[in-house]
Amino acid sequence: MESSLGLQSARPRAAVPVARVLYVLAVLFMLFDVFGKFTLPAAVVDAFHRQGMPIALAPVIGGLLLALVILYVIPRTSVLGAVLLTGYLGGACAINMRAEFSAFETLFPVLFGVIVWIPIYLLNERVRALIPIRR
């Protein structure tokens, strides 16, 4: 399959099921995070305290994340949603780094950002044309 940029953009057969599974898992995890920001379980309150953030911001951050997830799940706006989620997750990484969280807690948003982009890359021919990965 040739893209409009003249690059090969064929995808392996397993790409679609893998992309769909990662997509569903990413969305479910983000919705779980949104739920936590609104219900404020002890783990969320503790994380906000460790970050030095006022807990009153949790619902605001949850609402922002919900809006980004909605953009991500709508096919026409999924790439925009992924771009904005990348910024959101970058901010989470920076806040965790500033609060001197463990390496895993600090880098988890980066890893999650990769997981958010894999389905977009695998399912969107135009994105694959922009980011060619050679075999």
N, C-alpha and C. Protein backbone atom coordinates (compact mmCIF):
# COMPACT_ATOMS: atom_id res chain seq x y z
N MET A 1 0.84 -1.18 0.00
CA MET A 1 0.00 0.00 0.00
C MET A 1 0.89 1.25 0.00
N GLU A 2 0.73 2.11 -0.95
CA GLU A 2 1.49 3.36 -1.02
C GLU A 2 0.69 4.48 -0.39
N SER A 3 1.37 5.30 0.41
CA SER A 3 0.70 6.46 1.00
C SER A 3 0.83 7.63 0.03
N SER A 4 0.19 8.74 0.38
CA SER A 4 0.25 9.92 -0.48
C SER A 4 1.66 10.51 -0.50
N LEU A 5 2.51 10.13 0.45
CA LEU A 5 3.88 10.62 0.48
C LEU A 5 4.83 9.66 -0.23
N GLY A 6 4.29 8.59 -0.83
CA GLY A 6 5.10 7.63 -1.55
C GLY A 6 5.81 6.64 -0.65
N LEU A 7 5.39 6.53 0.60
CA LEU A 7 6.02 5.61 1.54
C LEU A 7 5.18 4.35 1.67
N GLN A 8 5.84 3.23 1.90
CA GLN A 8 5.11 2.01 2.17
C GLN A 8 4.42 2.13 3.52
N SER A 9 3.17 1.80 3.58
CA SER A 9 2.43 1.94 4.83
C SER A 9 1.63 0.68 5.17
N ALA A 10 2.02 -0.45 4.58
CA ALA A 10 1.32 -1.69 4.87
C ALA A 10 1.51 -2.05 6.34
N ARG A 11 0.51 -2.69 6.92
CA ARG A 11 0.62 -3.09 8.31
C ARG A 11 0.47 -4.59 8.43
N PRO A 12 1.13 -5.18 9.42
CA PRO A 12 0.98 -6.62 9.60
C PRO A 12 -0.45 -6.99 9.97
N ARG A 13 -0.83 -8.23 9.72
CA ARG A 13 -2.20 -8.68 10.00
C ARG A 13 -2.56 -8.53 11.47
N ALA A 14 -1.62 -8.75 12.35
CA ALA A 14 -1.89 -8.70 13.79
C ALA A 14 -2.03 -7.27 14.29
N ALA A 15 -1.71 -6.29 13.47
CA ALA A 15 -1.70 -4.90 13.91
C ALA A 15 -3.08 -4.43 14.39
N VAL A 16 -4.13 -4.78 13.68
CA VAL A 16 -5.46 -4.29 14.04
C VAL A 16 -5.93 -4.84 15.39
N PRO A 17 -5.85 -6.15 15.64
CA PRO A 17 -6.27 -6.62 16.97
C PRO A 17 -5.39 -6.08 18.09
N VAL A 18 -4.09 -6.01 17.87
CA VAL A 18 -3.19 -5.46 18.89
C VAL A 18 -3.56 -4.00 19.17
N ALA A 19 -3.77 -3.24 18.12
CA ALA A 19 -4.13 -1.83 18.27
C ALA A 19 -5.44 -1.68 19.04
N ARG A 20 -6.41 -2.49 18.72
CA ARG A 20 -7.72 -2.38 19.39
C ARG A 20 -7.62 -2.73 20.87
N VAL A 21 -6.85 -3.77 21.19
CA VAL A 21 -6.68 -4.15 22.60
C VAL A 21 -5.98 -3.04 23.37
N LEU A 22 -4.89 -2.51 22.82
CA LEU A 22 -4.17 -1.42 23.50
C LEU A 22 -5.04 -0.18 23.63
N TYR A 23 -5.81 0.10 22.60
CA TYR A 23 -6.71 1.26 22.60
C TYR A 23 -7.74 1.13 23.72
N VAL A 24 -8.39 -0.03 23.81
CA VAL A 24 -9.41 -0.25 24.84
C VAL A 24 -8.78 -0.18 26.23
N LEU A 25 -7.62 -0.82 26.41
CA LEU A 25 -6.95 -0.78 27.72
C LEU A 25 -6.57 0.64 28.11
N ALA A 26 -6.05 1.41 27.15
CA ALA A 26 -5.66 2.79 27.44
C ALA A 26 -6.88 3.62 27.84
N VAL A 27 -7.96 3.48 27.10
CA VAL A 27 -9.19 4.25 27.40
C VAL A 27 -9.75 3.84 28.76
N LEU A 28 -9.80 2.54 29.03
CA LEU A 28 -10.31 2.09 30.33
C LEU A 28 -9.45 2.60 31.48
N PHE A 29 -8.14 2.58 31.31
CA PHE A 29 -7.26 3.08 32.36
C PHE A 29 -7.48 4.58 32.59
N MET A 30 -7.62 5.34 31.50
CA MET A 30 -7.84 6.78 31.65
C MET A 30 -9.19 7.07 32.30
N LEU A 31 -10.21 6.30 31.94
CA LEU A 31 -11.52 6.50 32.58
C LEU A 31 -11.47 6.13 34.06
N PHE A 32 -10.70 5.11 34.40
CA PHE A 32 -10.48 4.75 35.80
C PHE A 32 -9.81 5.91 36.54
N ASP A 33 -8.84 6.55 35.88
CA ASP A 33 -8.15 7.70 36.47
C ASP A 33 -9.13 8.87 36.65
N VAL A 34 -9.97 9.11 35.66
CA VAL A 34 -10.98 10.17 35.76
C VAL A 34 -11.89 9.89 36.95
N PHE A 35 -12.36 8.65 37.06
CA PHE A 35 -13.23 8.26 38.16
C PHE A 35 -12.55 8.54 39.51
N GLY A 36 -11.27 8.22 39.60
CA GLY A 36 -10.53 8.46 40.84
C GLY A 36 -10.40 9.94 41.17
N LYS A 37 -10.27 10.75 40.14
CA LYS A 37 -10.15 12.20 40.37
C LYS A 37 -11.46 12.79 40.90
N PHE A 38 -12.58 12.17 40.57
CA PHE A 38 -13.86 12.66 41.05
C PHE A 38 -14.28 12.03 42.38
N THR A 39 -13.90 10.78 42.62
CA THR A 39 -14.32 10.11 43.86
C THR A 39 -13.30 10.24 44.99
N LEU A 40 -12.08 10.63 44.66
CA LEU A 40 -11.02 10.91 45.63
C LEU A 40 -10.76 9.78 46.63
N PRO A 41 -10.40 8.58 46.15
CA PRO A 41 -9.99 7.53 47.08
C PRO A 41 -8.67 7.92 47.75
N ALA A 42 -8.31 7.21 48.79
CA ALA A 42 -7.12 7.54 49.58
C ALA A 42 -5.86 7.62 48.71
N ALA A 43 -5.72 6.74 47.74
CA ALA A 43 -4.52 6.75 46.89
C ALA A 43 -4.39 8.05 46.10
N VAL A 44 -5.51 8.58 45.62
CA VAL A 44 -5.48 9.85 44.88
C VAL A 44 -5.16 11.00 45.81
N VAL A 45 -5.79 11.02 46.98
CA VAL A 45 -5.52 12.08 47.97
C VAL A 45 -4.04 12.04 48.35
N ASP A 46 -3.50 10.84 48.58
CA ASP A 46 -2.09 10.70 48.94
C ASP A 46 -1.17 11.19 47.83
N ALA A 47 -1.48 10.83 46.59
CA ALA A 47 -0.65 11.26 45.47
C ALA A 47 -0.66 12.78 45.33
N PHE A 48 -1.82 13.38 45.47
CA PHE A 48 -1.90 14.85 45.39
C PHE A 48 -1.10 15.49 46.53
N HIS A 49 -1.19 14.92 47.70
CA HIS A 49 -0.44 15.44 48.84
C HIS A 49 1.07 15.33 48.59
N ARG A 50 1.51 14.16 48.09
CA ARG A 50 2.93 13.96 47.80
C ARG A 50 3.42 14.90 46.70
N GLN A 51 2.55 15.26 45.78
CA GLN A 51 2.91 16.18 44.71
C GLN A 51 2.88 17.64 45.16
N GLY A 52 2.28 17.89 46.31
CA GLY A 52 2.14 19.26 46.78
C GLY A 52 1.03 20.00 46.05
N MET A 53 0.06 19.26 45.50
CA MET A 53 -1.03 19.87 44.76
C MET A 53 -2.28 19.92 45.63
N PRO A 54 -3.04 21.00 45.57
CA PRO A 54 -4.29 21.04 46.33
C PRO A 54 -5.29 20.02 45.79
N ILE A 55 -5.91 19.28 46.68
CA ILE A 55 -6.85 18.23 46.29
C ILE A 55 -8.06 18.82 45.55
N ALA A 56 -8.32 20.11 45.76
CA ALA A 56 -9.44 20.76 45.07
C ALA A 56 -9.23 20.77 43.55
N LEU A 57 -8.00 20.58 43.09
CA LEU A 57 -7.73 20.54 41.65
C LEU A 57 -8.06 19.18 41.03
N ALA A 58 -8.26 18.16 41.85
CA ALA A 58 -8.49 16.81 41.32
C ALA A 58 -9.68 16.76 40.36
N PRO A 59 -10.85 17.29 40.72
CA PRO A 59 -11.97 17.23 39.76
C PRO A 59 -11.71 18.04 38.49
N VAL A 60 -10.99 19.13 38.61
CA VAL A 60 -10.66 19.94 37.42
C VAL A 60 -9.76 19.13 36.49
N ILE A 61 -8.74 18.49 37.07
CA ILE A 61 -7.84 17.66 36.27
C ILE A 61 -8.61 16.47 35.70
N GLY A 62 -9.50 15.89 36.50
CA GLY A 62 -10.33 14.78 36.00
C GLY A 62 -11.22 15.21 34.84
N GLY A 63 -11.79 16.39 34.93
CA GLY A 63 -12.62 16.91 33.83
C GLY A 63 -11.80 17.15 32.57
N LEU A 64 -10.59 17.68 32.74
CA LEU A 64 -9.71 17.88 31.59
C LEU A 64 -9.37 16.55 30.95
N LEU A 65 -9.00 15.56 31.77
CA LEU A 65 -8.66 14.25 31.23
C LEU A 65 -9.87 13.63 30.52
N LEU A 66 -11.05 13.78 31.08
CA LEU A 66 -12.26 13.25 30.44
C LEU A 66 -12.46 13.88 29.07
N ALA A 67 -12.28 15.18 28.97
CA ALA A 67 -12.41 15.86 27.67
C ALA A 67 -11.39 15.33 26.66
N LEU A 68 -10.17 15.09 27.12
CA LEU A 68 -9.14 14.56 26.21
C LEU A 68 -9.45 13.13 25.79
N VAL A 69 -9.98 12.34 26.70
CA VAL A 69 -10.35 10.96 26.37
C VAL A 69 -11.48 10.96 25.33
N ILE A 70 -12.42 11.86 25.48
CA ILE A 70 -13.52 11.96 24.51
C ILE A 70 -12.95 12.29 23.12
N LEU A 71 -12.01 13.23 23.06
CA LEU A 71 -11.37 13.54 21.77
C LEU A 71 -10.64 12.33 21.22
N TYR A 72 -10.00 11.57 22.09
CA TYR A 72 -9.23 10.40 21.69
C TYR A 72 -10.12 9.28 21.15
N VAL A 73 -11.31 9.10 21.68
CA VAL A 73 -12.17 8.00 21.24
C VAL A 73 -12.99 8.32 20.00
N ILE A 74 -13.10 9.58 19.64
CA ILE A 74 -13.83 9.95 18.42
C ILE A 74 -12.86 9.80 17.25
N PRO A 75 -13.16 8.92 16.29
CA PRO A 75 -12.20 8.65 15.21
C PRO A 75 -11.69 9.90 14.49
N ARG A 76 -12.55 10.87 14.22
CA ARG A 76 -12.11 12.07 13.49
C ARG A 76 -11.16 12.95 14.29
N THR A 77 -11.20 12.83 15.63
CA THR A 77 -10.36 13.68 16.46
C THR A 77 -9.34 12.88 17.27
N SER A 78 -9.16 11.60 16.94
CA SER A 78 -8.29 10.74 17.74
C SER A 78 -6.84 11.20 17.72
N VAL A 79 -6.35 11.68 16.60
CA VAL A 79 -4.96 12.14 16.54
C VAL A 79 -4.80 13.41 17.38
N LEU A 80 -5.75 14.34 17.28
CA LEU A 80 -5.72 15.52 18.13
C LEU A 80 -5.77 15.12 19.60
N GLY A 81 -6.64 14.18 19.93
CA GLY A 81 -6.73 13.68 21.30
C GLY A 81 -5.41 13.10 21.78
N ALA A 82 -4.75 12.34 20.92
CA ALA A 82 -3.45 11.74 21.28
C ALA A 82 -2.40 12.82 21.49
N VAL A 83 -2.40 13.85 20.64
CA VAL A 83 -1.45 14.95 20.80
C VAL A 83 -1.68 15.66 22.14
N LEU A 84 -2.94 15.96 22.44
CA LEU A 84 -3.24 16.66 23.69
C LEU A 84 -2.99 15.77 24.91
N LEU A 85 -3.26 14.48 24.79
CA LEU A 85 -2.95 13.55 25.88
C LEU A 85 -1.44 13.48 26.11
N THR A 86 -0.66 13.60 25.05
CA THR A 86 0.80 13.62 25.19
C THR A 86 1.23 14.81 26.04
N GLY A 87 0.63 15.95 25.81
CA GLY A 87 0.93 17.12 26.63
C GLY A 87 0.50 16.92 28.07
N TYR A 88 -0.68 16.37 28.26
CA TYR A 88 -1.19 16.09 29.61
C TYR A 88 -0.24 15.15 30.35
N LEU A 89 0.17 14.08 29.68
CA LEU A 89 1.05 13.10 30.30
C LEU A 89 2.45 13.67 30.53
N GLY A 90 2.89 14.55 29.65
CA GLY A 90 4.18 15.23 29.88
C GLY A 90 4.12 16.09 31.13
N GLY A 91 3.00 16.76 31.33
CA GLY A 91 2.83 17.54 32.56
C GLY A 91 2.83 16.66 33.79
N ALA A 92 2.20 15.49 33.70
CA ALA A 92 2.19 14.55 34.83
C ALA A 92 3.61 14.09 35.14
N CYS A 93 4.38 13.82 34.11
CA CYS A 93 5.77 13.40 34.29
C CYS A 93 6.57 14.50 34.98
N ALA A 94 6.40 15.73 34.53
CA ALA A 94 7.13 16.86 35.12
C ALA A 94 6.75 17.07 36.59
N ILE A 95 5.46 16.98 36.89
CA ILE A 95 5.01 17.16 38.28
C ILE A 95 5.58 16.06 39.17
N ASN A 96 5.55 14.82 38.66
CA ASN A 96 6.09 13.70 39.44
C ASN A 96 7.60 13.85 39.65
N MET A 97 8.28 14.34 38.62
CA MET A 97 9.73 14.54 38.76
C MET A 97 10.01 15.63 39.79
N ARG A 98 9.26 16.71 39.73
CA ARG A 98 9.45 17.82 40.67
C ARG A 98 9.18 17.37 42.11
N ALA A 99 8.21 16.47 42.28
CA ALA A 99 7.86 15.96 43.61
C ALA A 99 8.80 14.84 44.06
N GLU A 100 9.78 14.52 43.22
CA GLU A 100 10.78 13.49 43.52
C GLU A 100 10.15 12.12 43.74
N PHE A 101 9.18 11.79 42.89
CA PHE A 101 8.59 10.46 42.91
C PHE A 101 9.64 9.46 42.43
N SER A 102 9.37 8.17 42.62
CA SER A 102 10.29 7.13 42.16
C SER A 102 10.43 7.20 40.63
N ALA A 103 11.45 6.55 40.12
CA ALA A 103 11.68 6.55 38.67
C ALA A 103 10.48 5.96 37.93
N PHE A 104 9.92 4.87 38.46
CA PHE A 104 8.76 4.27 37.80
C PHE A 104 7.58 5.23 37.77
N GLU A 105 7.28 5.85 38.91
CA GLU A 105 6.14 6.78 38.97
C GLU A 105 6.37 7.98 38.06
N THR A 106 7.61 8.39 37.92
CA THR A 106 7.92 9.54 37.08
C THR A 106 7.83 9.19 35.60
N LEU A 107 8.30 8.00 35.23
CA LEU A 107 8.34 7.61 33.82
C LEU A 107 7.07 6.91 33.35
N PHE A 108 6.19 6.53 34.27
CA PHE A 108 4.95 5.85 33.87
C PHE A 108 4.13 6.69 32.87
N PRO A 109 3.97 8.01 33.08
CA PRO A 109 3.22 8.77 32.07
C PRO A 109 3.87 8.73 30.69
N VAL A 110 5.19 8.64 30.61
CA VAL A 110 5.86 8.54 29.31
C VAL A 110 5.53 7.20 28.67
N LEU A 111 5.65 6.12 29.44
CA LEU A 111 5.30 4.80 28.94
C LEU A 111 3.84 4.76 28.50
N PHE A 112 2.97 5.36 29.29
CA PHE A 112 1.56 5.37 28.95
C PHE A 112 1.32 6.18 27.68
N GLY A 113 2.07 7.27 27.49
CA GLY A 113 1.97 8.04 26.26
C GLY A 113 2.31 7.21 25.03
N VAL A 114 3.30 6.35 25.15
CA VAL A 114 3.65 5.44 24.05
C VAL A 114 2.48 4.50 23.78
N ILE A 115 1.88 3.98 24.85
CA ILE A 115 0.73 3.07 24.70
C ILE A 115 -0.44 3.79 24.04
N VAL A 116 -0.63 5.06 24.33
CA VAL A 116 -1.70 5.85 23.70
C VAL A 116 -1.46 5.99 22.20
N TRP A 117 -0.18 6.15 21.80
CA TRP A 117 0.14 6.38 20.40
C TRP A 117 0.21 5.12 19.55
N ILE A 118 0.50 3.96 20.14
CA ILE A 118 0.63 2.74 19.34
C ILE A 118 -0.63 2.45 18.52
N PRO A 119 -1.83 2.47 19.12
CA PRO A 119 -3.02 2.21 18.28
C PRO A 119 -3.21 3.25 17.17
N ILE A 120 -2.92 4.50 17.47
CA ILE A 120 -3.05 5.54 16.44
C ILE A 120 -2.10 5.24 15.29
N TYR A 121 -0.87 4.88 15.63
CA TYR A 121 0.13 4.57 14.62
C TYR A 121 -0.29 3.35 13.79
N LEU A 122 -0.74 2.31 14.46
CA LEU A 122 -1.09 1.08 13.75
C LEU A 122 -2.34 1.21 12.89
N LEU A 123 -3.30 2.02 13.32
CA LEU A 123 -4.58 2.11 12.62
C LEU A 123 -4.69 3.28 11.64
N ASN A 124 -3.81 4.27 11.74
CA ASN A 124 -3.95 5.47 10.93
C ASN A 124 -2.82 5.54 9.89
N GLU A 125 -3.18 5.34 8.65
CA GLU A 125 -2.20 5.32 7.56
C GLU A 125 -1.45 6.65 7.45
N ARG A 126 -2.14 7.75 7.67
CA ARG A 126 -1.48 9.06 7.55
C ARG A 126 -0.42 9.26 8.64
N VAL A 127 -0.70 8.77 9.84
CA VAL A 127 0.29 8.86 10.92
C VAL A 127 1.49 7.97 10.58
N ARG A 128 1.23 6.76 10.07
CA ARG A 128 2.33 5.87 9.69
C ARG A 128 3.18 6.51 8.59
N ALA A 129 2.56 7.25 7.69
CA ALA A 129 3.32 7.92 6.63
C ALA A 129 4.21 9.03 7.21
N LEU A 130 3.77 9.65 8.28
CA LEU A 130 4.56 10.72 8.90
C LEU A 130 5.73 10.17 9.73
N ILE A 131 5.55 8.96 10.26
CA ILE A 131 6.56 8.36 11.14
C ILE A 131 6.91 6.99 10.59
N PRO A 132 7.68 6.94 9.51
CA PRO A 132 8.00 5.63 8.93
C PRO A 132 8.99 4.88 9.82
N ILE A 133 8.67 3.63 10.09
CA ILE A 133 9.57 2.76 10.86
C ILE A 133 10.07 1.70 9.87
N ARG A 134 11.35 1.68 9.69
CA ARG A 134 11.94 0.74 8.74
C ARG A 134 12.13 -0.62 9.39
N ARG A 135 11.94 -1.66 8.60
CA ARG A 135 12.14 -3.02 9.10
C ARG A 135 13.47 -3.54 8.68
